[in-house]
N, C-alpha and C. Protein backbone atom coordinates (compact mmCIF):
# COMPACT_ATOMS: atom_id res chain seq x y z
N MET A 1 11.40 253.78 -2.83
CA MET A 1 11.83 253.86 -4.23
C MET A 1 11.07 254.99 -4.94
N ILE A 2 11.77 255.74 -5.79
CA ILE A 2 11.10 256.83 -6.49
C ILE A 2 10.16 256.28 -7.55
N ASP A 3 9.04 256.94 -7.69
CA ASP A 3 8.00 256.50 -8.62
C ASP A 3 8.19 257.17 -9.98
N ALA A 4 9.29 256.85 -10.64
CA ALA A 4 9.60 257.43 -11.94
C ALA A 4 10.57 256.51 -12.66
N ASP A 5 10.63 256.63 -13.98
CA ASP A 5 11.51 255.77 -14.77
C ASP A 5 12.96 256.21 -14.72
N LYS A 6 13.17 257.49 -14.47
CA LYS A 6 14.54 257.99 -14.47
C LYS A 6 14.68 259.22 -13.59
N LEU A 7 15.90 259.50 -13.23
CA LEU A 7 16.25 260.67 -12.45
C LEU A 7 17.18 261.52 -13.31
N ILE A 8 16.87 262.80 -13.46
CA ILE A 8 17.65 263.67 -14.34
C ILE A 8 18.09 264.91 -13.59
N PHE A 9 19.38 265.19 -13.63
CA PHE A 9 19.88 266.47 -13.15
C PHE A 9 19.98 267.39 -14.35
N ILE A 10 19.23 268.50 -14.32
CA ILE A 10 19.21 269.46 -15.41
C ILE A 10 19.98 270.70 -14.99
N ALA A 11 20.98 271.07 -15.78
CA ALA A 11 21.78 272.27 -15.50
C ALA A 11 21.50 273.31 -16.56
N TYR A 12 21.05 274.46 -16.11
CA TYR A 12 20.80 275.58 -17.01
C TYR A 12 22.12 276.34 -17.16
N TYR A 13 22.83 276.01 -18.23
CA TYR A 13 24.23 276.40 -18.37
C TYR A 13 24.40 277.85 -18.85
N ALA A 14 23.64 278.24 -19.87
CA ALA A 14 23.77 279.59 -20.41
C ALA A 14 22.46 279.98 -21.09
N PRO A 15 22.06 281.25 -20.96
CA PRO A 15 20.79 281.69 -21.57
C PRO A 15 20.87 281.88 -23.07
N GLN A 16 21.95 281.46 -23.67
CA GLN A 16 22.08 281.53 -25.13
C GLN A 16 22.85 280.30 -25.60
N GLU A 17 22.84 280.09 -26.89
CA GLU A 17 23.58 278.97 -27.46
C GLU A 17 25.07 279.26 -27.37
N VAL A 18 25.84 278.32 -26.84
CA VAL A 18 27.28 278.52 -26.70
C VAL A 18 28.03 277.35 -27.32
N GLU A 19 29.27 277.58 -27.68
CA GLU A 19 30.10 276.51 -28.20
C GLU A 19 30.80 275.79 -27.05
N ILE A 20 30.92 274.48 -27.19
CA ILE A 20 31.60 273.68 -26.18
C ILE A 20 32.96 273.27 -26.75
N ALA A 21 34.03 273.66 -26.07
CA ALA A 21 35.38 273.36 -26.55
C ALA A 21 35.67 271.87 -26.42
N ALA A 22 36.21 271.28 -27.48
CA ALA A 22 36.48 269.85 -27.50
C ALA A 22 37.50 269.45 -26.43
N ASN A 23 38.53 270.28 -26.25
CA ASN A 23 39.56 269.92 -25.26
C ASN A 23 39.01 269.95 -23.84
N ARG A 24 38.07 270.85 -23.60
CA ARG A 24 37.46 270.92 -22.27
C ARG A 24 36.59 269.70 -22.00
N LEU A 25 35.83 269.28 -22.99
CA LEU A 25 34.99 268.10 -22.84
C LEU A 25 35.85 266.86 -22.70
N ARG A 26 36.96 266.83 -23.44
CA ARG A 26 37.90 265.68 -23.34
C ARG A 26 38.49 265.62 -21.93
N ASP A 27 38.79 266.78 -21.34
CA ASP A 27 39.32 266.81 -19.98
C ASP A 27 38.28 266.31 -18.97
N PHE A 28 37.02 266.65 -19.21
CA PHE A 28 35.95 266.18 -18.32
C PHE A 28 35.84 264.65 -18.38
N ILE A 29 35.93 264.09 -19.58
CA ILE A 29 35.91 262.63 -19.73
C ILE A 29 37.09 262.01 -18.98
N SER A 30 38.26 262.64 -19.08
CA SER A 30 39.45 262.13 -18.39
C SER A 30 39.26 262.15 -16.88
N GLN A 31 38.60 263.19 -16.37
CA GLN A 31 38.33 263.27 -14.93
C GLN A 31 37.45 262.11 -14.48
N LEU A 32 36.43 261.80 -15.27
CA LEU A 32 35.56 260.68 -14.93
C LEU A 32 36.31 259.35 -15.03
N GLU A 33 37.18 259.24 -16.01
CA GLU A 33 37.98 258.01 -16.14
C GLU A 33 38.88 257.84 -14.92
N GLN A 34 39.41 258.93 -14.41
CA GLN A 34 40.25 258.86 -13.21
C GLN A 34 39.45 258.43 -11.99
N GLN A 35 38.14 258.68 -12.02
CA GLN A 35 37.26 258.24 -10.94
C GLN A 35 36.80 256.79 -11.13
N GLY A 36 37.26 256.16 -12.20
CA GLY A 36 36.94 254.76 -12.44
C GLY A 36 35.81 254.50 -13.41
N TYR A 37 35.33 255.55 -14.10
CA TYR A 37 34.25 255.38 -15.07
C TYR A 37 34.81 255.08 -16.46
N TYR A 38 34.03 254.31 -17.21
CA TYR A 38 34.38 253.98 -18.59
C TYR A 38 33.35 254.58 -19.53
N LEU A 39 33.83 255.13 -20.63
CA LEU A 39 32.94 255.61 -21.67
C LEU A 39 32.41 254.41 -22.43
N ILE A 40 31.09 254.38 -22.64
CA ILE A 40 30.43 253.22 -23.23
C ILE A 40 29.76 253.61 -24.55
N ASP A 41 29.77 252.70 -25.50
CA ASP A 41 29.05 252.91 -26.75
C ASP A 41 27.61 252.43 -26.57
N GLY A 42 26.72 253.37 -26.21
CA GLY A 42 25.34 252.99 -25.88
C GLY A 42 25.25 252.60 -24.41
N TYR A 43 24.33 251.70 -24.10
CA TYR A 43 24.18 251.22 -22.73
C TYR A 43 25.13 250.05 -22.49
N ALA A 44 25.62 249.92 -21.25
CA ALA A 44 26.56 248.86 -20.91
C ALA A 44 25.92 247.48 -21.12
N PHE A 45 26.62 246.61 -21.86
CA PHE A 45 26.10 245.26 -22.10
C PHE A 45 27.27 244.29 -22.28
N PRO A 46 27.23 243.17 -21.52
CA PRO A 46 26.37 242.94 -20.36
C PRO A 46 26.73 243.90 -19.22
N PHE A 47 25.77 244.19 -18.38
CA PHE A 47 25.93 245.27 -17.42
C PHE A 47 27.08 245.02 -16.44
N SER A 48 27.28 243.78 -16.03
CA SER A 48 28.31 243.49 -15.03
C SER A 48 29.72 243.55 -15.61
N ASN A 49 29.85 243.34 -16.91
CA ASN A 49 31.16 243.35 -17.56
C ASN A 49 30.99 243.69 -19.04
N PRO A 50 30.71 244.96 -19.35
CA PRO A 50 30.33 245.35 -20.71
C PRO A 50 31.42 245.11 -21.75
N GLU A 51 30.95 244.71 -22.92
CA GLU A 51 31.85 244.48 -24.04
C GLU A 51 31.96 245.71 -24.94
N ASN A 52 31.15 246.72 -24.66
CA ASN A 52 31.11 247.90 -25.52
C ASN A 52 31.77 249.12 -24.90
N ILE A 53 32.83 248.89 -24.12
CA ILE A 53 33.62 249.99 -23.58
C ILE A 53 34.43 250.63 -24.71
N ILE A 54 34.45 251.94 -24.74
CA ILE A 54 35.24 252.66 -25.74
C ILE A 54 36.62 252.91 -25.14
N ARG A 55 37.62 252.28 -25.71
CA ARG A 55 38.97 252.37 -25.16
C ARG A 55 39.92 253.18 -26.03
N GLU A 56 39.66 253.25 -27.32
CA GLU A 56 40.57 253.92 -28.23
C GLU A 56 40.34 255.44 -28.21
N SER A 57 41.43 256.18 -28.17
CA SER A 57 41.35 257.64 -28.14
C SER A 57 40.65 258.19 -29.38
N VAL A 58 40.85 257.54 -30.51
CA VAL A 58 40.22 258.00 -31.75
C VAL A 58 38.71 257.93 -31.64
N GLN A 59 38.20 256.85 -31.04
CA GLN A 59 36.76 256.70 -30.86
C GLN A 59 36.21 257.72 -29.88
N ILE A 60 36.96 258.00 -28.82
CA ILE A 60 36.53 259.01 -27.85
C ILE A 60 36.47 260.37 -28.52
N ASP A 61 37.49 260.68 -29.32
CA ASP A 61 37.53 261.97 -30.01
C ASP A 61 36.36 262.11 -30.99
N GLU A 62 35.94 261.01 -31.60
CA GLU A 62 34.79 261.04 -32.50
C GLU A 62 33.52 261.41 -31.75
N LYS A 63 33.34 260.82 -30.56
CA LYS A 63 32.17 261.13 -29.73
C LYS A 63 32.17 262.61 -29.35
N VAL A 64 33.33 263.10 -28.99
CA VAL A 64 33.46 264.50 -28.57
C VAL A 64 33.16 265.44 -29.74
N SER A 65 33.67 265.10 -30.92
CA SER A 65 33.51 265.98 -32.08
C SER A 65 32.05 266.13 -32.49
N ILE A 66 31.25 265.08 -32.28
CA ILE A 66 29.83 265.15 -32.62
C ILE A 66 29.14 266.24 -31.81
N ILE A 67 29.52 266.34 -30.52
CA ILE A 67 28.91 267.32 -29.64
C ILE A 67 29.45 268.72 -29.92
N CYS A 68 30.72 268.81 -30.20
CA CYS A 68 31.38 270.12 -30.26
C CYS A 68 31.42 270.75 -31.65
N ARG A 69 31.05 270.01 -32.68
CA ARG A 69 31.13 270.59 -34.02
C ARG A 69 30.12 271.74 -34.17
N GLN A 70 30.46 272.68 -35.02
CA GLN A 70 29.61 273.84 -35.25
C GLN A 70 28.25 273.40 -35.82
N GLY A 71 27.18 273.96 -35.28
CA GLY A 71 25.84 273.61 -35.73
C GLY A 71 25.24 272.41 -35.05
N SER A 72 25.98 271.80 -34.14
CA SER A 72 25.46 270.63 -33.43
C SER A 72 24.30 271.02 -32.54
N LEU A 73 23.34 270.12 -32.40
CA LEU A 73 22.22 270.32 -31.48
C LEU A 73 22.48 269.66 -30.14
N GLY A 74 23.69 269.11 -29.98
CA GLY A 74 24.05 268.46 -28.74
C GLY A 74 24.46 267.02 -28.96
N GLY A 75 24.51 266.27 -27.90
CA GLY A 75 24.91 264.87 -27.99
C GLY A 75 25.02 264.26 -26.61
N THR A 76 25.16 262.94 -26.57
CA THR A 76 25.14 262.20 -25.31
C THR A 76 26.36 261.32 -25.18
N LEU A 77 26.92 261.28 -23.99
CA LEU A 77 28.01 260.38 -23.64
C LEU A 77 27.52 259.46 -22.53
N ASN A 78 27.77 258.16 -22.65
CA ASN A 78 27.34 257.18 -21.65
C ASN A 78 28.54 256.67 -20.87
N PHE A 79 28.37 256.56 -19.55
CA PHE A 79 29.46 256.12 -18.68
C PHE A 79 28.99 254.98 -17.78
N TRP A 80 29.95 254.13 -17.42
CA TRP A 80 29.62 252.96 -16.58
C TRP A 80 30.73 252.72 -15.57
N GLN A 81 30.30 252.36 -14.38
CA GLN A 81 31.19 251.83 -13.34
C GLN A 81 30.30 250.99 -12.44
N TYR A 82 30.48 249.71 -12.46
CA TYR A 82 29.58 248.82 -11.73
C TYR A 82 29.49 249.24 -10.26
N PRO A 83 28.26 249.35 -9.72
CA PRO A 83 26.95 249.02 -10.29
C PRO A 83 26.18 250.25 -10.80
N PHE A 84 26.87 251.20 -11.38
CA PHE A 84 26.25 252.48 -11.75
C PHE A 84 26.47 252.76 -13.23
N GLU A 85 25.47 253.41 -13.83
CA GLU A 85 25.56 253.82 -15.23
C GLU A 85 24.76 255.09 -15.40
N PHE A 86 25.29 256.02 -16.18
CA PHE A 86 24.58 257.28 -16.40
C PHE A 86 24.95 257.84 -17.77
N SER A 87 24.16 258.80 -18.22
CA SER A 87 24.47 259.50 -19.46
C SER A 87 24.64 260.98 -19.16
N PHE A 88 25.56 261.60 -19.87
CA PHE A 88 25.81 263.03 -19.78
C PHE A 88 25.54 263.63 -21.14
N ALA A 89 24.68 264.64 -21.20
CA ALA A 89 24.27 265.18 -22.50
C ALA A 89 24.26 266.70 -22.50
N PHE A 90 24.64 267.25 -23.64
CA PHE A 90 24.46 268.67 -23.89
C PHE A 90 23.29 268.85 -24.83
N LEU A 91 22.50 269.88 -24.57
CA LEU A 91 21.37 270.22 -25.44
C LEU A 91 21.49 271.68 -25.83
N PHE A 92 21.65 271.92 -27.13
CA PHE A 92 21.75 273.28 -27.64
C PHE A 92 20.46 273.62 -28.37
N GLU A 93 19.76 274.61 -27.87
CA GLU A 93 18.53 275.07 -28.52
C GLU A 93 18.88 276.25 -29.42
N PRO A 94 18.75 276.10 -30.74
CA PRO A 94 19.10 277.21 -31.64
C PRO A 94 18.40 278.50 -31.24
N GLU A 95 19.21 279.53 -31.08
CA GLU A 95 18.72 280.86 -30.70
C GLU A 95 18.04 280.86 -29.33
N GLU A 96 18.29 279.83 -28.55
CA GLU A 96 17.74 279.78 -27.18
C GLU A 96 18.87 279.47 -26.21
N ASP A 97 18.60 278.61 -25.19
CA ASP A 97 19.60 278.41 -24.16
C ASP A 97 20.40 277.12 -24.37
N THR A 98 21.40 276.95 -23.51
CA THR A 98 22.23 275.74 -23.51
C THR A 98 22.07 275.05 -22.17
N GLU A 99 21.79 273.76 -22.21
CA GLU A 99 21.63 272.98 -20.99
C GLU A 99 22.48 271.72 -21.06
N TRP A 100 22.89 271.23 -19.91
CA TRP A 100 23.46 269.89 -19.86
C TRP A 100 22.70 269.07 -18.83
N MET A 101 22.70 267.76 -19.03
CA MET A 101 21.90 266.88 -18.19
C MET A 101 22.67 265.61 -17.84
N ILE A 102 22.40 265.10 -16.65
CA ILE A 102 22.91 263.78 -16.25
C ILE A 102 21.69 262.92 -15.96
N ASN A 103 21.61 261.80 -16.64
CA ASN A 103 20.41 260.97 -16.61
C ASN A 103 20.77 259.58 -16.11
N VAL A 104 20.03 259.08 -15.14
CA VAL A 104 20.20 257.70 -14.66
C VAL A 104 18.84 257.03 -14.60
N GLN A 105 18.76 255.81 -15.12
CA GLN A 105 17.53 255.03 -15.07
C GLN A 105 17.27 254.56 -13.63
N THR A 106 16.01 254.58 -13.22
CA THR A 106 15.67 254.22 -11.85
C THR A 106 16.08 252.79 -11.50
N ASP A 107 15.88 251.86 -12.44
CA ASP A 107 16.25 250.48 -12.13
C ASP A 107 17.76 250.33 -11.95
N THR A 108 18.53 251.14 -12.66
CA THR A 108 19.98 251.14 -12.47
C THR A 108 20.34 251.78 -11.14
N LEU A 109 19.69 252.89 -10.82
CA LEU A 109 19.95 253.58 -9.55
C LEU A 109 19.70 252.66 -8.37
N MET A 110 18.60 251.91 -8.42
CA MET A 110 18.21 251.07 -7.29
C MET A 110 18.92 249.73 -7.26
N GLY A 111 19.32 249.21 -8.43
CA GLY A 111 19.89 247.87 -8.50
C GLY A 111 18.82 246.83 -8.72
N SER A 112 19.21 245.67 -9.21
CA SER A 112 18.24 244.63 -9.56
C SER A 112 17.42 244.15 -8.38
N GLU A 113 17.97 244.24 -7.17
CA GLU A 113 17.26 243.81 -5.97
C GLU A 113 17.02 244.99 -5.03
N ASN A 114 16.97 246.20 -5.59
CA ASN A 114 16.76 247.41 -4.79
C ASN A 114 17.78 247.54 -3.65
N ASN A 115 19.02 247.13 -3.95
CA ASN A 115 20.04 247.09 -2.90
C ASN A 115 21.20 248.06 -3.14
N PHE A 116 21.09 248.91 -4.15
CA PHE A 116 22.18 249.83 -4.44
C PHE A 116 21.74 251.30 -4.39
N GLY A 117 20.55 251.57 -3.86
CA GLY A 117 20.01 252.92 -3.88
C GLY A 117 20.93 253.96 -3.27
N GLU A 118 21.36 253.77 -2.04
CA GLU A 118 22.20 254.76 -1.38
C GLU A 118 23.58 254.85 -2.02
N GLU A 119 24.18 253.69 -2.33
CA GLU A 119 25.50 253.69 -2.96
C GLU A 119 25.50 254.44 -4.28
N ASN A 120 24.50 254.17 -5.11
CA ASN A 120 24.45 254.82 -6.41
C ASN A 120 24.01 256.29 -6.31
N ALA A 121 23.21 256.61 -5.31
CA ALA A 121 22.84 258.01 -5.09
C ALA A 121 24.09 258.82 -4.74
N LEU A 122 24.96 258.25 -3.94
CA LEU A 122 26.22 258.92 -3.61
C LEU A 122 27.08 259.11 -4.85
N LYS A 123 27.12 258.08 -5.71
CA LYS A 123 27.86 258.20 -6.96
C LYS A 123 27.27 259.30 -7.84
N PHE A 124 25.95 259.35 -7.88
CA PHE A 124 25.26 260.36 -8.68
C PHE A 124 25.66 261.76 -8.24
N VAL A 125 25.70 261.98 -6.94
CA VAL A 125 26.09 263.29 -6.40
C VAL A 125 27.53 263.62 -6.78
N GLU A 126 28.42 262.65 -6.69
CA GLU A 126 29.83 262.90 -7.01
C GLU A 126 30.01 263.20 -8.50
N VAL A 127 29.25 262.54 -9.35
CA VAL A 127 29.32 262.82 -10.78
C VAL A 127 28.82 264.23 -11.06
N ILE A 128 27.75 264.62 -10.40
CA ILE A 128 27.22 265.98 -10.55
C ILE A 128 28.27 267.00 -10.12
N LYS A 129 28.96 266.74 -9.02
CA LYS A 129 30.00 267.66 -8.57
C LYS A 129 31.08 267.83 -9.63
N ALA A 130 31.49 266.72 -10.24
CA ALA A 130 32.52 266.79 -11.28
C ALA A 130 32.04 267.63 -12.46
N ALA A 131 30.78 267.44 -12.85
CA ALA A 131 30.22 268.20 -13.97
C ALA A 131 30.09 269.68 -13.62
N LEU A 132 29.70 269.98 -12.39
CA LEU A 132 29.57 271.37 -11.96
C LEU A 132 30.90 272.09 -12.03
N LYS A 133 31.97 271.41 -11.66
CA LYS A 133 33.30 272.02 -11.69
C LYS A 133 33.75 272.29 -13.12
N SER A 134 33.38 271.42 -14.03
CA SER A 134 33.78 271.59 -15.43
C SER A 134 32.88 272.56 -16.17
N TYR A 135 31.58 272.51 -15.87
CA TYR A 135 30.60 273.33 -16.57
C TYR A 135 29.63 273.96 -15.57
N PRO A 136 30.11 274.96 -14.80
CA PRO A 136 29.24 275.57 -13.78
C PRO A 136 28.05 276.30 -14.41
N PRO A 137 26.84 275.89 -14.06
CA PRO A 137 25.63 276.50 -14.63
C PRO A 137 25.13 277.67 -13.79
N VAL A 138 24.10 278.31 -14.27
CA VAL A 138 23.42 279.35 -13.50
C VAL A 138 22.58 278.71 -12.40
N TYR A 139 21.99 277.56 -12.75
CA TYR A 139 21.11 276.86 -11.81
C TYR A 139 21.02 275.39 -12.24
N GLY A 140 20.80 274.50 -11.28
CA GLY A 140 20.63 273.09 -11.62
C GLY A 140 19.76 272.38 -10.60
N CYS A 141 19.05 271.34 -11.04
CA CYS A 141 18.20 270.58 -10.12
C CYS A 141 17.98 269.17 -10.65
N ALA A 142 17.72 268.25 -9.73
CA ALA A 142 17.41 266.86 -10.10
C ALA A 142 15.90 266.67 -10.04
N VAL A 143 15.33 266.16 -11.12
CA VAL A 143 13.88 265.97 -11.18
C VAL A 143 13.54 264.52 -11.49
N THR A 144 12.40 264.08 -10.97
CA THR A 144 11.85 262.77 -11.31
C THR A 144 10.47 263.02 -11.91
N LEU A 145 9.46 263.06 -11.06
CA LEU A 145 8.10 263.34 -11.54
C LEU A 145 7.79 264.83 -11.51
N GLN A 146 8.63 265.62 -10.85
CA GLN A 146 8.38 267.06 -10.76
C GLN A 146 8.62 267.72 -12.11
N GLU A 147 7.93 268.83 -12.31
CA GLU A 147 8.18 269.63 -13.50
C GLU A 147 9.45 270.45 -13.27
N PRO A 148 10.38 270.44 -14.22
CA PRO A 148 11.57 271.29 -14.05
C PRO A 148 11.22 272.75 -14.21
N PRO A 149 12.05 273.63 -13.70
CA PRO A 149 11.77 275.07 -13.84
C PRO A 149 11.81 275.49 -15.31
N LEU A 150 11.13 276.57 -15.62
CA LEU A 150 11.23 277.16 -16.94
C LEU A 150 12.60 277.82 -17.07
N PRO A 151 13.23 277.73 -18.23
CA PRO A 151 14.55 278.34 -18.41
C PRO A 151 14.58 279.81 -18.03
N GLU A 152 13.54 280.55 -18.40
CA GLU A 152 13.54 281.98 -18.10
C GLU A 152 13.54 282.24 -16.59
N ASP A 153 12.89 281.35 -15.82
CA ASP A 153 12.91 281.50 -14.36
C ASP A 153 14.28 281.14 -13.79
N ALA A 154 14.87 280.07 -14.35
CA ALA A 154 16.18 279.63 -13.87
C ALA A 154 17.24 280.71 -14.08
N TYR A 155 17.26 281.31 -15.26
CA TYR A 155 18.28 282.31 -15.56
C TYR A 155 18.02 283.65 -14.86
N ALA A 156 16.79 283.88 -14.45
CA ALA A 156 16.46 285.12 -13.74
C ALA A 156 16.57 284.96 -12.22
N SER A 157 17.09 283.81 -11.78
CA SER A 157 17.24 283.53 -10.34
C SER A 157 15.91 283.59 -9.61
N GLU A 158 14.87 283.06 -10.24
CA GLU A 158 13.53 283.14 -9.67
C GLU A 158 12.92 281.78 -9.32
N VAL A 159 13.73 280.73 -9.27
CA VAL A 159 13.22 279.40 -8.90
C VAL A 159 13.06 279.35 -7.39
N VAL A 160 11.86 279.05 -6.93
CA VAL A 160 11.60 278.94 -5.49
C VAL A 160 11.01 277.57 -5.16
N GLU A 161 11.36 276.59 -5.96
CA GLU A 161 11.00 275.20 -5.70
C GLU A 161 12.26 274.49 -5.22
N LEU A 162 12.08 273.44 -4.44
CA LEU A 162 13.23 272.68 -3.94
C LEU A 162 13.13 271.25 -4.46
N TYR A 163 14.26 270.69 -4.86
CA TYR A 163 14.32 269.37 -5.48
C TYR A 163 15.28 268.47 -4.69
N PRO A 164 15.33 267.18 -5.03
CA PRO A 164 16.25 266.28 -4.31
C PRO A 164 17.71 266.71 -4.37
N ILE A 165 18.10 267.38 -5.47
CA ILE A 165 19.44 267.96 -5.60
C ILE A 165 19.28 269.35 -6.21
N ASN A 166 19.99 270.33 -5.65
CA ASN A 166 19.84 271.71 -6.10
C ASN A 166 21.22 272.37 -6.19
N PHE A 167 21.44 273.12 -7.28
CA PHE A 167 22.67 273.91 -7.38
C PHE A 167 22.29 275.37 -7.61
N TYR A 168 22.91 276.25 -6.82
CA TYR A 168 22.66 277.68 -6.93
C TYR A 168 23.96 278.39 -7.27
N SER A 169 23.97 279.13 -8.36
CA SER A 169 25.15 279.92 -8.72
C SER A 169 25.23 281.15 -7.83
N SER A 170 26.26 281.95 -8.06
CA SER A 170 26.50 283.12 -7.21
C SER A 170 25.31 284.09 -7.20
N SER A 171 24.59 284.21 -8.31
CA SER A 171 23.45 285.13 -8.35
C SER A 171 22.35 284.67 -7.40
N TYR A 172 22.13 283.34 -7.32
CA TYR A 172 21.15 282.80 -6.38
C TYR A 172 21.65 282.96 -4.94
N VAL A 173 22.93 282.65 -4.74
CA VAL A 173 23.49 282.71 -3.39
C VAL A 173 23.37 284.13 -2.83
N GLN A 174 23.64 285.11 -3.67
CA GLN A 174 23.52 286.50 -3.25
C GLN A 174 22.07 286.83 -2.89
N LYS A 175 21.14 286.31 -3.66
CA LYS A 175 19.73 286.60 -3.44
C LYS A 175 19.20 285.89 -2.19
N LEU A 176 19.60 284.65 -1.98
CA LEU A 176 19.11 283.86 -0.85
C LEU A 176 19.84 284.18 0.44
N GLY A 177 21.08 284.64 0.31
CA GLY A 177 21.90 284.89 1.49
C GLY A 177 22.84 283.72 1.72
N LYS A 178 24.13 283.95 1.58
CA LYS A 178 25.11 282.87 1.67
C LYS A 178 25.09 282.19 3.02
N GLU A 179 25.14 282.98 4.09
CA GLU A 179 25.17 282.39 5.43
C GLU A 179 23.93 281.56 5.71
N LYS A 180 22.78 282.09 5.31
CA LYS A 180 21.54 281.35 5.54
C LYS A 180 21.52 280.06 4.74
N LEU A 181 21.96 280.12 3.49
CA LEU A 181 21.96 278.94 2.63
C LEU A 181 22.89 277.87 3.17
N LEU A 182 24.08 278.28 3.59
CA LEU A 182 25.06 277.31 4.10
C LEU A 182 24.64 276.70 5.44
N ALA A 183 23.72 277.35 6.13
CA ALA A 183 23.25 276.83 7.42
C ALA A 183 21.96 276.02 7.28
N ALA A 184 21.53 275.77 6.06
CA ALA A 184 20.29 275.02 5.84
C ALA A 184 20.37 273.62 6.45
N PRO A 185 19.27 273.11 7.01
CA PRO A 185 19.26 271.78 7.64
C PRO A 185 19.19 270.67 6.59
N ALA A 186 20.31 270.46 5.91
CA ALA A 186 20.34 269.51 4.80
C ALA A 186 21.52 268.56 4.95
N TRP A 187 21.41 267.41 4.29
CA TRP A 187 22.48 266.41 4.32
C TRP A 187 23.77 266.95 3.71
N CYS A 188 23.64 267.72 2.64
CA CYS A 188 24.81 268.31 1.98
C CYS A 188 24.53 269.75 1.62
N VAL A 189 25.36 270.65 2.11
CA VAL A 189 25.36 272.04 1.67
C VAL A 189 26.83 272.38 1.47
N GLU A 190 27.23 272.46 0.22
CA GLU A 190 28.66 272.56 -0.10
C GLU A 190 28.92 273.67 -1.11
N GLU A 191 29.90 274.51 -0.80
CA GLU A 191 30.33 275.51 -1.77
C GLU A 191 31.12 274.83 -2.88
N ILE A 192 30.71 275.07 -4.11
CA ILE A 192 31.34 274.42 -5.25
C ILE A 192 31.07 275.24 -6.50
N ALA A 193 32.05 275.31 -7.38
CA ALA A 193 31.88 275.94 -8.69
C ALA A 193 31.26 277.33 -8.60
N ASN A 194 31.77 278.14 -7.68
CA ASN A 194 31.27 279.51 -7.53
C ASN A 194 29.81 279.55 -7.11
N GLY A 195 29.34 278.51 -6.46
CA GLY A 195 27.96 278.46 -6.02
C GLY A 195 27.81 277.51 -4.85
N VAL A 196 26.60 277.02 -4.65
CA VAL A 196 26.31 276.12 -3.53
C VAL A 196 25.48 274.94 -4.02
N LEU A 197 25.92 273.74 -3.66
CA LEU A 197 25.17 272.51 -3.92
C LEU A 197 24.40 272.16 -2.65
N LEU A 198 23.09 271.95 -2.79
CA LEU A 198 22.25 271.64 -1.64
C LEU A 198 21.46 270.36 -1.91
N VAL A 199 21.66 269.37 -1.03
CA VAL A 199 20.94 268.09 -1.12
C VAL A 199 20.23 267.88 0.21
N PRO A 200 18.88 267.99 0.25
CA PRO A 200 18.16 267.86 1.52
C PRO A 200 18.50 266.58 2.29
N SER A 201 18.52 265.44 1.59
CA SER A 201 18.91 264.18 2.21
C SER A 201 19.31 263.21 1.11
N ILE A 202 20.19 262.27 1.44
CA ILE A 202 20.58 261.29 0.43
C ILE A 202 19.38 260.41 0.06
N GLU A 203 18.48 260.19 1.03
CA GLU A 203 17.30 259.36 0.78
C GLU A 203 16.34 260.01 -0.22
N SER A 204 16.30 261.32 -0.24
CA SER A 204 15.38 262.00 -1.16
C SER A 204 15.74 261.76 -2.62
N ILE A 205 16.97 261.30 -2.88
CA ILE A 205 17.40 261.04 -4.25
C ILE A 205 16.82 259.72 -4.77
N TYR A 206 16.72 258.71 -3.90
CA TYR A 206 16.31 257.39 -4.39
C TYR A 206 15.02 256.86 -3.73
N THR A 207 14.38 257.67 -2.89
CA THR A 207 13.08 257.27 -2.33
C THR A 207 12.11 258.44 -2.49
N ASP A 208 10.90 258.25 -2.04
CA ASP A 208 9.91 259.32 -2.09
C ASP A 208 9.91 260.14 -0.80
N ASP A 209 11.08 260.21 -0.14
CA ASP A 209 11.21 261.00 1.08
C ASP A 209 11.07 262.49 0.76
N THR A 210 10.02 263.09 1.26
CA THR A 210 9.82 264.53 1.05
C THR A 210 9.92 265.32 2.36
N VAL A 211 10.09 264.62 3.47
CA VAL A 211 10.15 265.29 4.77
C VAL A 211 11.34 266.25 4.81
N SER A 212 12.51 265.78 4.39
CA SER A 212 13.70 266.62 4.43
C SER A 212 13.56 267.80 3.48
N ILE A 213 12.90 267.59 2.34
CA ILE A 213 12.69 268.69 1.40
C ILE A 213 11.78 269.74 2.01
N ARG A 214 10.71 269.29 2.68
CA ARG A 214 9.81 270.24 3.34
C ARG A 214 10.53 271.05 4.42
N MET A 215 11.41 270.37 5.15
CA MET A 215 12.14 271.04 6.23
C MET A 215 12.99 272.18 5.68
N VAL A 216 13.69 271.91 4.59
CA VAL A 216 14.56 272.93 4.01
C VAL A 216 13.72 274.06 3.41
N LYS A 217 12.60 273.70 2.76
CA LYS A 217 11.73 274.72 2.19
C LYS A 217 11.18 275.63 3.29
N GLU A 218 10.79 275.04 4.40
CA GLU A 218 10.29 275.84 5.52
C GLU A 218 11.39 276.76 6.04
N TYR A 219 12.60 276.23 6.14
CA TYR A 219 13.73 277.02 6.61
C TYR A 219 13.99 278.21 5.69
N LEU A 220 13.87 277.99 4.37
CA LEU A 220 14.10 279.06 3.40
C LEU A 220 12.93 280.03 3.30
N GLY A 221 11.80 279.66 3.91
CA GLY A 221 10.64 280.52 3.87
C GLY A 221 9.84 280.41 2.61
N TRP A 222 9.95 279.24 1.93
CA TRP A 222 9.21 279.02 0.68
C TRP A 222 7.93 278.25 0.97
N GLU A 223 6.90 278.57 0.26
CA GLU A 223 5.64 277.85 0.40
C GLU A 223 5.83 276.41 -0.01
N ASP A 224 5.34 275.48 0.78
CA ASP A 224 5.51 274.06 0.49
C ASP A 224 4.55 273.63 -0.60
N SER A 225 5.11 273.20 -1.72
CA SER A 225 4.26 272.74 -2.83
C SER A 225 4.59 271.33 -3.25
N ILE A 226 5.46 270.64 -2.47
CA ILE A 226 5.82 269.25 -2.79
C ILE A 226 4.99 268.33 -1.92
N GLU A 227 4.27 267.44 -2.58
CA GLU A 227 3.41 266.51 -1.84
C GLU A 227 4.20 265.25 -1.50
């Protein structure tokens, strides 16, 4: 089990503040609904059969408008599909960069009896894939106790750390070498959203498994700094 309260996938979307189109965000919500997820008002309660599912289009549009209105600093959307729950958020830094994040609580990821770790880790990866297709970033990574990269390093294609989940846009792929990256000894190396998604192992998402991460780092020729 990971020794952290939550797992966050951070996507460095743009090196400047950008507007998010309401229709595009609405389409992303629809894609998740087609995958069986429900938009929730806050956290799912009760978790097994929540009463706070947002079903009305007007309510969904209100949530979207908060994020997309001019001058917004961002906003969060919560989704549920038993036994998984996560939040998707945009963060707009005035006169700085734009990021989006997918956040899952560790106790939700693992399940009440630590029996849903792999199942929910797979769901987490699939949700990330959906978000990458809708909002392809320059770089993205999943962090627990690790420090996330600095935005300036992410946008300059200078991140040389490896995380449980990693996304590299075309600028990174060109720098690292596409053939070499696609041949990495990892559980998942997939071309997606004009880039490559790399997951060393499914276990590294929900346990403290660092062996697979070290293997990929060694393969890439990066100094091992993950303990």
